[in-house]
Amino acid sequence: ASVISYKLFAEAHPAQIRQYLLLFLYYNAIGLLLLV
């Protein structure tokens, strides 16, 4: 499901892919650190 939202964003904003991936890892890391 994460790949789906990534592809939708990348198609609309191809110049922001790197920023998106870094931000994605940042918030997912926060989620893992708190929930695990």
PDB file of all heavy atoms in Angstrom:
ATOM      1  N   ALA A   1       0.835  -1.201   0.000  1.00  0.00           N
ATOM      2  CA  ALA A   1       0.000   0.000   0.000  1.00  0.00           C
ATOM      3  C   ALA A   1       0.872   1.254   0.000  1.00  0.00           C
ATOM      4  O   ALA A   1       0.518   2.273  -0.609  1.00  0.00           O
ATOM      5  CB  ALA A   1      -0.930  -0.010   1.214  1.00  0.00           C
ATOM      6  N   SER A   2       2.016   1.182   0.669  1.00  0.00           N
ATOM      7  CA  SER A   2       2.936   2.322   0.693  1.00  0.00           C
ATOM      8  C   SER A   2       3.469   2.617  -0.700  1.00  0.00           C
ATOM      9  O   SER A   2       3.703   3.776  -1.061  1.00  0.00           O
ATOM     10  CB  SER A   2       4.106   2.043   1.646  1.00  0.00           C
ATOM     11  OG  SER A   2       3.648   1.813   2.959  1.00  0.00           O
ATOM     12  N   VAL A   3       3.669   1.574  -1.485  1.00  0.00           N
ATOM     13  CA  VAL A   3       4.142   1.740  -2.860  1.00  0.00           C
ATOM     14  C   VAL A   3       3.084   2.458  -3.697  1.00  0.00           C
ATOM     15  O   VAL A   3       3.407   3.270  -4.571  1.00  0.00           O
ATOM     16  CB  VAL A   3       4.503   0.378  -3.478  1.00  0.00           C
ATOM     17  CG1 VAL A   3       4.953   0.539  -4.931  1.00  0.00           C
ATOM     18  CG2 VAL A   3       5.593  -0.307  -2.665  1.00  0.00           C
ATOM     19  N   ILE A   4       1.818   2.167  -3.430  1.00  0.00           N
ATOM     20  CA  ILE A   4       0.725   2.808  -4.171  1.00  0.00           C
ATOM     21  C   ILE A   4       0.752   4.320  -3.974  1.00  0.00           C
ATOM     22  O   ILE A   4       0.705   5.097  -4.942  1.00  0.00           O
ATOM     23  CB  ILE A   4      -0.634   2.231  -3.719  1.00  0.00           C
ATOM     24  CG1 ILE A   4      -0.788   0.796  -4.223  1.00  0.00           C
ATOM     25  CG2 ILE A   4      -1.784   3.096  -4.221  1.00  0.00           C
ATOM     26  CD1 ILE A   4      -2.020   0.085  -3.702  1.00  0.00           C
ATOM     27  N   SER A   5       0.807   4.772  -2.727  1.00  0.00           N
ATOM     28  CA  SER A   5       0.806   6.221  -2.471  1.00  0.00           C
ATOM     29  C   SER A   5       2.077   6.870  -3.007  1.00  0.00           C
ATOM     30  O   SER A   5       2.042   8.007  -3.508  1.00  0.00           O
ATOM     31  CB  SER A   5       0.638   6.504  -0.972  1.00  0.00           C
ATOM     32  OG  SER A   5       1.597   5.814  -0.211  1.00  0.00           O
ATOM     33  N   TYR A   6       3.204   6.154  -2.930  1.00  0.00           N
ATOM     34  CA  TYR A   6       4.460   6.685  -3.478  1.00  0.00           C
ATOM     35  C   TYR A   6       4.344   6.909  -4.988  1.00  0.00           C
ATOM     36  O   TYR A   6       4.744   7.960  -5.506  1.00  0.00           O
ATOM     37  CB  TYR A   6       5.608   5.726  -3.170  1.00  0.00           C
ATOM     38  CG  TYR A   6       6.831   5.969  -4.035  1.00  0.00           C
ATOM     39  CD1 TYR A   6       7.658   7.075  -3.808  1.00  0.00           C
ATOM     40  CD2 TYR A   6       7.148   5.104  -5.083  1.00  0.00           C
ATOM     41  CE1 TYR A   6       8.764   7.303  -4.614  1.00  0.00           C
ATOM     42  CE2 TYR A   6       8.255   5.323  -5.884  1.00  0.00           C
ATOM     43  CZ  TYR A   6       9.054   6.424  -5.649  1.00  0.00           C
ATOM     44  OH  TYR A   6      10.145   6.651  -6.449  1.00  0.00           O
ATOM     45  N   LYS A   7       3.811   5.927  -5.699  1.00  0.00           N
ATOM     46  CA  LYS A   7       3.683   6.049  -7.156  1.00  0.00           C
ATOM     47  C   LYS A   7       2.749   7.186  -7.539  1.00  0.00           C
ATOM     48  O   LYS A   7       3.010   7.921  -8.503  1.00  0.00           O
ATOM     49  CB  LYS A   7       3.186   4.730  -7.745  1.00  0.00           C
ATOM     50  CG  LYS A   7       4.244   3.626  -7.768  1.00  0.00           C
ATOM     51  CD  LYS A   7       3.705   2.360  -8.412  1.00  0.00           C
ATOM     52  CE  LYS A   7       4.781   1.298  -8.512  1.00  0.00           C
ATOM     53  NZ  LYS A   7       4.257   0.041  -9.119  1.00  0.00           N
ATOM     54  N   LEU A   8       1.657   7.354  -6.796  1.00  0.00           N
ATOM     55  CA  LEU A   8       0.722   8.445  -7.079  1.00  0.00           C
ATOM     56  C   LEU A   8       1.393   9.800  -6.880  1.00  0.00           C
ATOM     57  O   LEU A   8       1.220  10.714  -7.692  1.00  0.00           O
ATOM     58  CB  LEU A   8      -0.513   8.327  -6.174  1.00  0.00           C
ATOM     59  CG  LEU A   8      -1.454   7.153  -6.463  1.00  0.00           C
ATOM     60  CD1 LEU A   8      -2.500   7.028  -5.362  1.00  0.00           C
ATOM     61  CD2 LEU A   8      -2.135   7.328  -7.818  1.00  0.00           C
ATOM     62  N   PHE A   9       2.172   9.933  -5.804  1.00  0.00           N
ATOM     63  CA  PHE A   9       2.873  11.190  -5.543  1.00  0.00           C
ATOM     64  C   PHE A   9       3.971  11.417  -6.575  1.00  0.00           C
ATOM     65  O   PHE A   9       4.135  12.537  -7.083  1.00  0.00           O
ATOM     66  CB  PHE A   9       3.475  11.187  -4.138  1.00  0.00           C
ATOM     67  CG  PHE A   9       4.228  12.456  -3.817  1.00  0.00           C
ATOM     68  CD1 PHE A   9       3.549  13.565  -3.339  1.00  0.00           C
ATOM     69  CD2 PHE A   9       5.599  12.531  -3.998  1.00  0.00           C
ATOM     70  CE1 PHE A   9       4.232  14.744  -3.055  1.00  0.00           C
ATOM     71  CE2 PHE A   9       6.288  13.711  -3.716  1.00  0.00           C
ATOM     72  CZ  PHE A   9       5.605  14.817  -3.247  1.00  0.00           C
ATOM     73  N   ALA A  10       4.750  10.370  -6.886  1.00  0.00           N
ATOM     74  CA  ALA A  10       5.864  10.499  -7.826  1.00  0.00           C
ATOM     75  C   ALA A  10       5.394  10.901  -9.215  1.00  0.00           C
ATOM     76  O   ALA A  10       6.060  11.668  -9.920  1.00  0.00           O
ATOM     77  CB  ALA A  10       6.647   9.184  -7.896  1.00  0.00           C
ATOM     78  N   GLU A  11       4.232  10.385  -9.610  1.00  0.00           N
ATOM     79  CA  GLU A  11       3.681  10.733 -10.920  1.00  0.00           C
ATOM     80  C   GLU A  11       3.293  12.206 -10.983  1.00  0.00           C
ATOM     81  O   GLU A  11       3.464  12.866 -12.010  1.00  0.00           O
ATOM     82  CB  GLU A  11       2.463   9.859 -11.219  1.00  0.00           C
ATOM     83  CG  GLU A  11       1.873  10.070 -12.595  1.00  0.00           C
ATOM     84  CD  GLU A  11       0.687   9.166 -12.868  1.00  0.00           C
ATOM     85  OE1 GLU A  11       0.492   8.186 -12.112  1.00  0.00           O
ATOM     86  OE2 GLU A  11      -0.043   9.426 -13.830  1.00  0.00           O
ATOM     87  N   ALA A  12       2.791  12.744  -9.875  1.00  0.00           N
ATOM     88  CA  ALA A  12       2.354  14.139  -9.828  1.00  0.00           C
ATOM     89  C   ALA A  12       3.510  15.102  -9.557  1.00  0.00           C
ATOM     90  O   ALA A  12       3.509  16.240 -10.035  1.00  0.00           O
ATOM     91  CB  ALA A  12       1.274  14.312  -8.765  1.00  0.00           C
ATOM     92  N   HIS A  13       4.527  14.642  -8.801  1.00  0.00           N
ATOM     93  CA  HIS A  13       5.642  15.513  -8.409  1.00  0.00           C
ATOM     94  C   HIS A  13       6.976  14.778  -8.585  1.00  0.00           C
ATOM     95  O   HIS A  13       7.652  14.455  -7.597  1.00  0.00           O
ATOM     96  CB  HIS A  13       5.483  15.963  -6.961  1.00  0.00           C
ATOM     97  CG  HIS A  13       4.216  16.698  -6.671  1.00  0.00           C
ATOM     98  ND1 HIS A  13       4.019  18.012  -6.998  1.00  0.00           N
ATOM     99  CD2 HIS A  13       3.052  16.273  -6.093  1.00  0.00           C
ATOM    100  CE1 HIS A  13       2.807  18.390  -6.629  1.00  0.00           C
ATOM    101  NE2 HIS A  13       2.206  17.354  -6.083  1.00  0.00           N
ATOM    102  N   PRO A  14       7.388  14.494  -9.815  1.00  0.00           N
ATOM    103  CA  PRO A  14       8.629  13.729 -10.036  1.00  0.00           C
ATOM    104  C   PRO A  14       9.887  14.400  -9.486  1.00  0.00           C
ATOM    105  O   PRO A  14      10.855  13.711  -9.139  1.00  0.00           O
ATOM    106  CB  PRO A  14       8.692  13.595 -11.569  1.00  0.00           C
ATOM    107  CG  PRO A  14       7.811  14.689 -12.089  1.00  0.00           C
ATOM    108  CD  PRO A  14       6.733  14.861 -11.074  1.00  0.00           C
ATOM    109  N   ALA A  15       9.875  15.726  -9.380  1.00  0.00           N
ATOM    110  CA  ALA A  15      11.059  16.426  -8.886  1.00  0.00           C
ATOM    111  C   ALA A  15      11.215  16.314  -7.369  1.00  0.00           C
ATOM    112  O   ALA A  15      12.275  16.652  -6.826  1.00  0.00           O
ATOM    113  CB  ALA A  15      10.991  17.901  -9.284  1.00  0.00           C
ATOM    114  N   GLN A  16      10.190  15.829  -6.682  1.00  0.00           N
ATOM    115  CA  GLN A  16      10.225  15.769  -5.220  1.00  0.00           C
ATOM    116  C   GLN A  16      10.350  14.343  -4.684  1.00  0.00           C
ATOM    117  O   GLN A  16      10.108  14.102  -3.505  1.00  0.00           O
ATOM    118  CB  GLN A  16       8.960  16.412  -4.634  1.00  0.00           C
ATOM    119  CG  GLN A  16       8.820  17.893  -4.909  1.00  0.00           C
ATOM    120  CD  GLN A  16       7.529  18.452  -4.334  1.00  0.00           C
ATOM    121  OE1 GLN A  16       6.553  18.692  -5.039  1.00  0.00           O
ATOM    122  NE2 GLN A  16       7.524  18.650  -3.030  1.00  0.00           N
ATOM    123  N   ILE A  17      10.736  13.404  -5.526  1.00  0.00           N
ATOM    124  CA  ILE A  17      10.792  11.996  -5.116  1.00  0.00           C
ATOM    125  C   ILE A  17      11.771  11.792  -3.961  1.00  0.00           C
ATOM    126  O   ILE A  17      11.458  11.113  -2.973  1.00  0.00           O
ATOM    127  CB  ILE A  17      11.162  11.105  -6.317  1.00  0.00           C
ATOM    128  CG1 ILE A  17       9.993  11.039  -7.296  1.00  0.00           C
ATOM    129  CG2 ILE A  17      11.547   9.704  -5.849  1.00  0.00           C
ATOM    130  CD1 ILE A  17      10.289  10.242  -8.543  1.00  0.00           C
ATOM    131  N   ARG A  18      12.964  12.349  -4.076  1.00  0.00           N
ATOM    132  CA  ARG A  18      13.978  12.155  -3.029  1.00  0.00           C
ATOM    133  C   ARG A  18      13.493  12.726  -1.695  1.00  0.00           C
ATOM    134  O   ARG A  18      13.628  12.091  -0.652  1.00  0.00           O
ATOM    135  CB  ARG A  18      15.288  12.819  -3.437  1.00  0.00           C
ATOM    136  CG  ARG A  18      16.428  12.595  -2.450  1.00  0.00           C
ATOM    137  CD  ARG A  18      17.741  13.156  -2.972  1.00  0.00           C
ATOM    138  NE  ARG A  18      18.834  12.905  -2.041  1.00  0.00           N
ATOM    139  CZ  ARG A  18      19.118  13.691  -1.008  1.00  0.00           C
ATOM    140  NH1 ARG A  18      18.390  14.778  -0.776  1.00  0.00           N
ATOM    141  NH2 ARG A  18      20.132  13.390  -0.200  1.00  0.00           N
ATOM    142  N   GLN A  19      12.907  13.922  -1.743  1.00  0.00           N
ATOM    143  CA  GLN A  19      12.382  14.543  -0.519  1.00  0.00           C
ATOM    144  C   GLN A  19      11.293  13.664   0.095  1.00  0.00           C
ATOM    145  O   GLN A  19      11.235  13.482   1.315  1.00  0.00           O
ATOM    146  CB  GLN A  19      11.825  15.922  -0.843  1.00  0.00           C
ATOM    147  CG  GLN A  19      11.112  16.600   0.327  1.00  0.00           C
ATOM    148  CD  GLN A  19      10.270  17.785  -0.122  1.00  0.00           C
ATOM    149  OE1 GLN A  19      10.361  18.220  -1.265  1.00  0.00           O
ATOM    150  NE2 GLN A  19       9.434  18.293   0.780  1.00  0.00           N
ATOM    151  N   TYR A  20      10.430  13.118  -0.753  1.00  0.00           N
ATOM    152  CA  TYR A  20       9.338  12.267  -0.276  1.00  0.00           C
ATOM    153  C   TYR A  20       9.888  11.029   0.426  1.00  0.00           C
ATOM    154  O   TYR A  20       9.427  10.660   1.517  1.00  0.00           O
ATOM    155  CB  TYR A  20       8.451  11.858  -1.450  1.00  0.00           C
ATOM    156  CG  TYR A  20       7.286  10.957  -1.062  1.00  0.00           C
ATOM    157  CD1 TYR A  20       6.047  11.490  -0.736  1.00  0.00           C
ATOM    158  CD2 TYR A  20       7.437   9.561  -1.002  1.00  0.00           C
ATOM    159  CE1 TYR A  20       4.980  10.669  -0.381  1.00  0.00           C
ATOM    160  CE2 TYR A  20       6.382   8.739  -0.639  1.00  0.00           C
ATOM    161  CZ  TYR A  20       5.163   9.291  -0.328  1.00  0.00           C
ATOM    162  OH  TYR A  20       4.124   8.476   0.033  1.00  0.00           O
ATOM    163  N   LEU A  21      10.866  10.353  -0.199  1.00  0.00           N
ATOM    164  CA  LEU A  21      11.406   9.122   0.372  1.00  0.00           C
ATOM    165  C   LEU A  21      12.084   9.369   1.721  1.00  0.00           C
ATOM    166  O   LEU A  21      11.943   8.570   2.655  1.00  0.00           O
ATOM    167  CB  LEU A  21      12.385   8.475  -0.607  1.00  0.00           C
ATOM    168  CG  LEU A  21      11.756   7.886  -1.878  1.00  0.00           C
ATOM    169  CD1 LEU A  21      12.839   7.405  -2.830  1.00  0.00           C
ATOM    170  CD2 LEU A  21      10.805   6.751  -1.531  1.00  0.00           C
ATOM    171  N   LEU A  22      12.828  10.463   1.818  1.00  0.00           N
ATOM    172  CA  LEU A  22      13.491  10.784   3.085  1.00  0.00           C
ATOM    173  C   LEU A  22      12.459  11.078   4.172  1.00  0.00           C
ATOM    174  O   LEU A  22      12.589  10.627   5.321  1.00  0.00           O
ATOM    175  CB  LEU A  22      14.424  11.985   2.900  1.00  0.00           C
ATOM    176  CG  LEU A  22      15.679  11.739   2.053  1.00  0.00           C
ATOM    177  CD1 LEU A  22      16.443  13.039   1.833  1.00  0.00           C
ATOM    178  CD2 LEU A  22      16.587  10.705   2.725  1.00  0.00           C
ATOM    179  N   LEU A  23      11.430  11.834   3.805  1.00  0.00           N
ATOM    180  CA  LEU A  23      10.378  12.161   4.760  1.00  0.00           C
ATOM    181  C   LEU A  23       9.592  10.910   5.144  1.00  0.00           C
ATOM    182  O   LEU A  23       9.191  10.736   6.300  1.00  0.00           O
ATOM    183  CB  LEU A  23       9.434  13.206   4.144  1.00  0.00           C
ATOM    184  CG  LEU A  23       8.658  14.128   5.088  1.00  0.00           C
ATOM    185  CD1 LEU A  23       9.609  14.902   6.002  1.00  0.00           C
ATOM    186  CD2 LEU A  23       7.802  15.101   4.271  1.00  0.00           C
ATOM    187  N   PHE A  24       9.397  10.015   4.173  1.00  0.00           N
ATOM    188  CA  PHE A  24       8.694   8.756   4.419  1.00  0.00           C
ATOM    189  C   PHE A  24       9.445   7.921   5.456  1.00  0.00           C
ATOM    190  O   PHE A  24       8.859   7.410   6.416  1.00  0.00           O
ATOM    191  CB  PHE A  24       8.568   7.981   3.110  1.00  0.00           C
ATOM    192  CG  PHE A  24       7.900   6.635   3.251  1.00  0.00           C
ATOM    193  CD1 PHE A  24       6.526   6.520   3.152  1.00  0.00           C
ATOM    194  CD2 PHE A  24       8.651   5.480   3.485  1.00  0.00           C
ATOM    195  CE1 PHE A  24       5.906   5.279   3.290  1.00  0.00           C
ATOM    196  CE2 PHE A  24       8.043   4.249   3.619  1.00  0.00           C
ATOM    197  CZ  PHE A  24       6.671   4.140   3.515  1.00  0.00           C
ATOM    198  N   LEU A  25      10.760   7.778   5.280  1.00  0.00           N
ATOM    199  CA  LEU A  25      11.567   7.000   6.220  1.00  0.00           C
ATOM    200  C   LEU A  25      11.588   7.655   7.596  1.00  0.00           C
ATOM    201  O   LEU A  25      11.561   6.966   8.625  1.00  0.00           O
ATOM    202  CB  LEU A  25      12.990   6.842   5.687  1.00  0.00           C
ATOM    203  CG  LEU A  25      13.136   5.947   4.452  1.00  0.00           C
ATOM    204  CD1 LEU A  25      14.570   5.995   3.927  1.00  0.00           C
ATOM    205  CD2 LEU A  25      12.748   4.509   4.776  1.00  0.00           C
ATOM    206  N   TYR A  26      11.607   8.981   7.633  1.00  0.00           N
ATOM    207  CA  TYR A  26      11.638   9.708   8.902  1.00  0.00           C
ATOM    208  C   TYR A  26      10.383   9.424   9.735  1.00  0.00           C
ATOM    209  O   TYR A  26      10.474   9.024  10.907  1.00  0.00           O
ATOM    210  CB  TYR A  26      11.766  11.205   8.627  1.00  0.00           C
ATOM    211  CG  TYR A  26      11.595  12.081   9.846  1.00  0.00           C
ATOM    212  CD1 TYR A  26      12.589  12.159  10.826  1.00  0.00           C
ATOM    213  CD2 TYR A  26      10.433  12.844  10.025  1.00  0.00           C
ATOM    214  CE1 TYR A  26      12.435  12.971  11.947  1.00  0.00           C
ATOM    215  CE2 TYR A  26      10.273  13.655  11.131  1.00  0.00           C
ATOM    216  CZ  TYR A  26      11.271  13.710  12.089  1.00  0.00           C
ATOM    217  OH  TYR A  26      11.111  14.517  13.205  1.00  0.00           O
ATOM    218  N   TYR A  27       9.206   9.578   9.127  1.00  0.00           N
ATOM    219  CA  TYR A  27       7.964   9.384   9.883  1.00  0.00           C
ATOM    220  C   TYR A  27       7.701   7.903  10.180  1.00  0.00           C
ATOM    221  O   TYR A  27       7.131   7.567  11.218  1.00  0.00           O
ATOM    222  CB  TYR A  27       6.789  10.003   9.127  1.00  0.00           C
ATOM    223  CG  TYR A  27       6.731  11.495   9.274  1.00  0.00           C
ATOM    224  CD1 TYR A  27       6.966  12.338   8.187  1.00  0.00           C
ATOM    225  CD2 TYR A  27       6.465  12.084  10.510  1.00  0.00           C
ATOM    226  CE1 TYR A  27       6.927  13.715   8.326  1.00  0.00           C
ATOM    227  CE2 TYR A  27       6.424  13.462  10.662  1.00  0.00           C
ATOM    228  CZ  TYR A  27       6.662  14.267   9.563  1.00  0.00           C
ATOM    229  OH  TYR A  27       6.632  15.628   9.722  1.00  0.00           O
ATOM    230  N   ASN A  28       8.120   7.020   9.290  1.00  0.00           N
ATOM    231  CA  ASN A  28       7.967   5.594   9.562  1.00  0.00           C
ATOM    232  C   ASN A  28       8.895   5.144  10.683  1.00  0.00           C
ATOM    233  O   ASN A  28       8.525   4.283  11.490  1.00  0.00           O
ATOM    234  CB  ASN A  28       8.233   4.782   8.302  1.00  0.00           C
ATOM    235  CG  ASN A  28       7.003   4.648   7.426  1.00  0.00           C
ATOM    236  OD1 ASN A  28       6.269   3.674   7.504  1.00  0.00           O
ATOM    237  ND2 ASN A  28       6.754   5.663   6.613  1.00  0.00           N
ATOM    238  N   ALA A  29      10.094   5.728  10.747  1.00  0.00           N
ATOM    239  CA  ALA A  29      11.013   5.412  11.841  1.00  0.00           C
ATOM    240  C   ALA A  29      10.439   5.860  13.176  1.00  0.00           C
ATOM    241  O   ALA A  29      10.534   5.143  14.185  1.00  0.00           O
ATOM    242  CB  ALA A  29      12.372   6.082  11.599  1.00  0.00           C
ATOM    243  N   ILE A  30       9.808   7.038  13.188  1.00  0.00           N
ATOM    244  CA  ILE A  30       9.154   7.517  14.413  1.00  0.00           C
ATOM    245  C   ILE A  30       8.060   6.535  14.835  1.00  0.00           C
ATOM    246  O   ILE A  30       7.947   6.169  16.018  1.00  0.00           O
ATOM    247  CB  ILE A  30       8.560   8.921  14.189  1.00  0.00           C
ATOM    248  CG1 ILE A  30       9.671   9.957  14.050  1.00  0.00           C
ATOM    249  CG2 ILE A  30       7.628   9.300  15.347  1.00  0.00           C
ATOM    250  CD1 ILE A  30       9.177  11.350  13.724  1.00  0.00           C
ATOM    251  N   GLY A  31       7.253   6.099  13.860  1.00  0.00           N
ATOM    252  CA  GLY A  31       6.184   5.155  14.157  1.00  0.00           C
ATOM    253  C   GLY A  31       6.708   3.854  14.732  1.00  0.00           C
ATOM    254  O   GLY A  31       6.160   3.321  15.717  1.00  0.00           O
ATOM    255  N   LEU A  32       7.767   3.320  14.142  1.00  0.00           N
ATOM    256  CA  LEU A  32       8.349   2.072  14.640  1.00  0.00           C
ATOM    257  C   LEU A  32       8.920   2.246  16.047  1.00  0.00           C
ATOM    258  O   LEU A  32       8.714   1.398  16.926  1.00  0.00           O
ATOM    259  CB  LEU A  32       9.450   1.588  13.695  1.00  0.00           C
ATOM    260  CG  LEU A  32       8.987   0.929  12.388  1.00  0.00           C
ATOM    261  CD1 LEU A  32      10.195   0.643  11.499  1.00  0.00           C
ATOM    262  CD2 LEU A  32       8.225  -0.358  12.665  1.00  0.00           C
ATOM    263  N   LEU A  33       9.640   3.338  16.271  1.00  0.00           N
ATOM    264  CA  LEU A  33      10.264   3.568  17.577  1.00  0.00           C
ATOM    265  C   LEU A  33       9.234   3.692  18.690  1.00  0.00           C
ATOM    266  O   LEU A  33       9.482   3.270  19.833  1.00  0.00           O
ATOM    267  CB  LEU A  33      11.135   4.830  17.526  1.00  0.00           C
ATOM    268  CG  LEU A  33      12.450   4.711  16.750  1.00  0.00           C
ATOM    269  CD1 LEU A  33      13.120   6.068  16.615  1.00  0.00           C
ATOM    270  CD2 LEU A  33      13.388   3.725  17.443  1.00  0.00           C
ATOM    271  N   LEU A  34       8.069   4.247  18.368  1.00  0.00           N
ATOM    272  CA  LEU A  34       7.032   4.426  19.384  1.00  0.00           C
ATOM    273  C   LEU A  34       6.146   3.197  19.541  1.00  0.00           C
ATOM    274  O   LEU A  34       5.802   2.799  20.664  1.00  0.00           O
ATOM    275  CB  LEU A  34       6.170   5.643  19.042  1.00  0.00           C
ATOM    276  CG  LEU A  34       6.850   7.012  19.121  1.00  0.00           C
ATOM    277  CD1 LEU A  34       5.911   8.109  18.661  1.00  0.00           C
ATOM    278  CD2 LEU A  34       7.349   7.299  20.534  1.00  0.00           C
ATOM    279  N   LEU A  35       5.761   2.572  18.439  1.00  0.00           N
ATOM    280  CA  LEU A  35       4.777   1.493  18.504  1.00  0.00           C
ATOM    281  C   LEU A  35       5.368   0.129  18.801  1.00  0.00           C
ATOM    282  O   LEU A  35       4.738  -0.684  19.492  1.00  0.00           O
ATOM    283  CB  LEU A  35       3.990   1.429  17.186  1.00  0.00           C
ATOM    284  CG  LEU A  35       3.029   2.593  16.911  1.00  0.00           C
ATOM    285  CD1 LEU A  35       2.323   2.408  15.572  1.00  0.00           C
ATOM    286  CD2 LEU A  35       1.993   2.708  18.027  1.00  0.00           C
ATOM    287  N   VAL A  36       6.567  -0.169  18.288  1.00  0.00           N
ATOM    288  CA  VAL A  36       7.142  -1.511  18.497  1.00  0.00           C
ATOM    289  C   VAL A  36       7.282  -1.846  19.980  1.00  0.00           C
ATOM    290  O   VAL A  36       6.777  -2.883  20.435  1.00  0.00           O
ATOM    291  CB  VAL A  36       8.494  -1.648  17.771  1.00  0.00           C
ATOM    292  CG1 VAL A  36       9.203  -2.940  18.184  1.00  0.00           C
ATOM    293  CG2 VAL A  36       8.277  -1.657  16.255  1.00  0.00           C
TER     294      VAL A  36
END
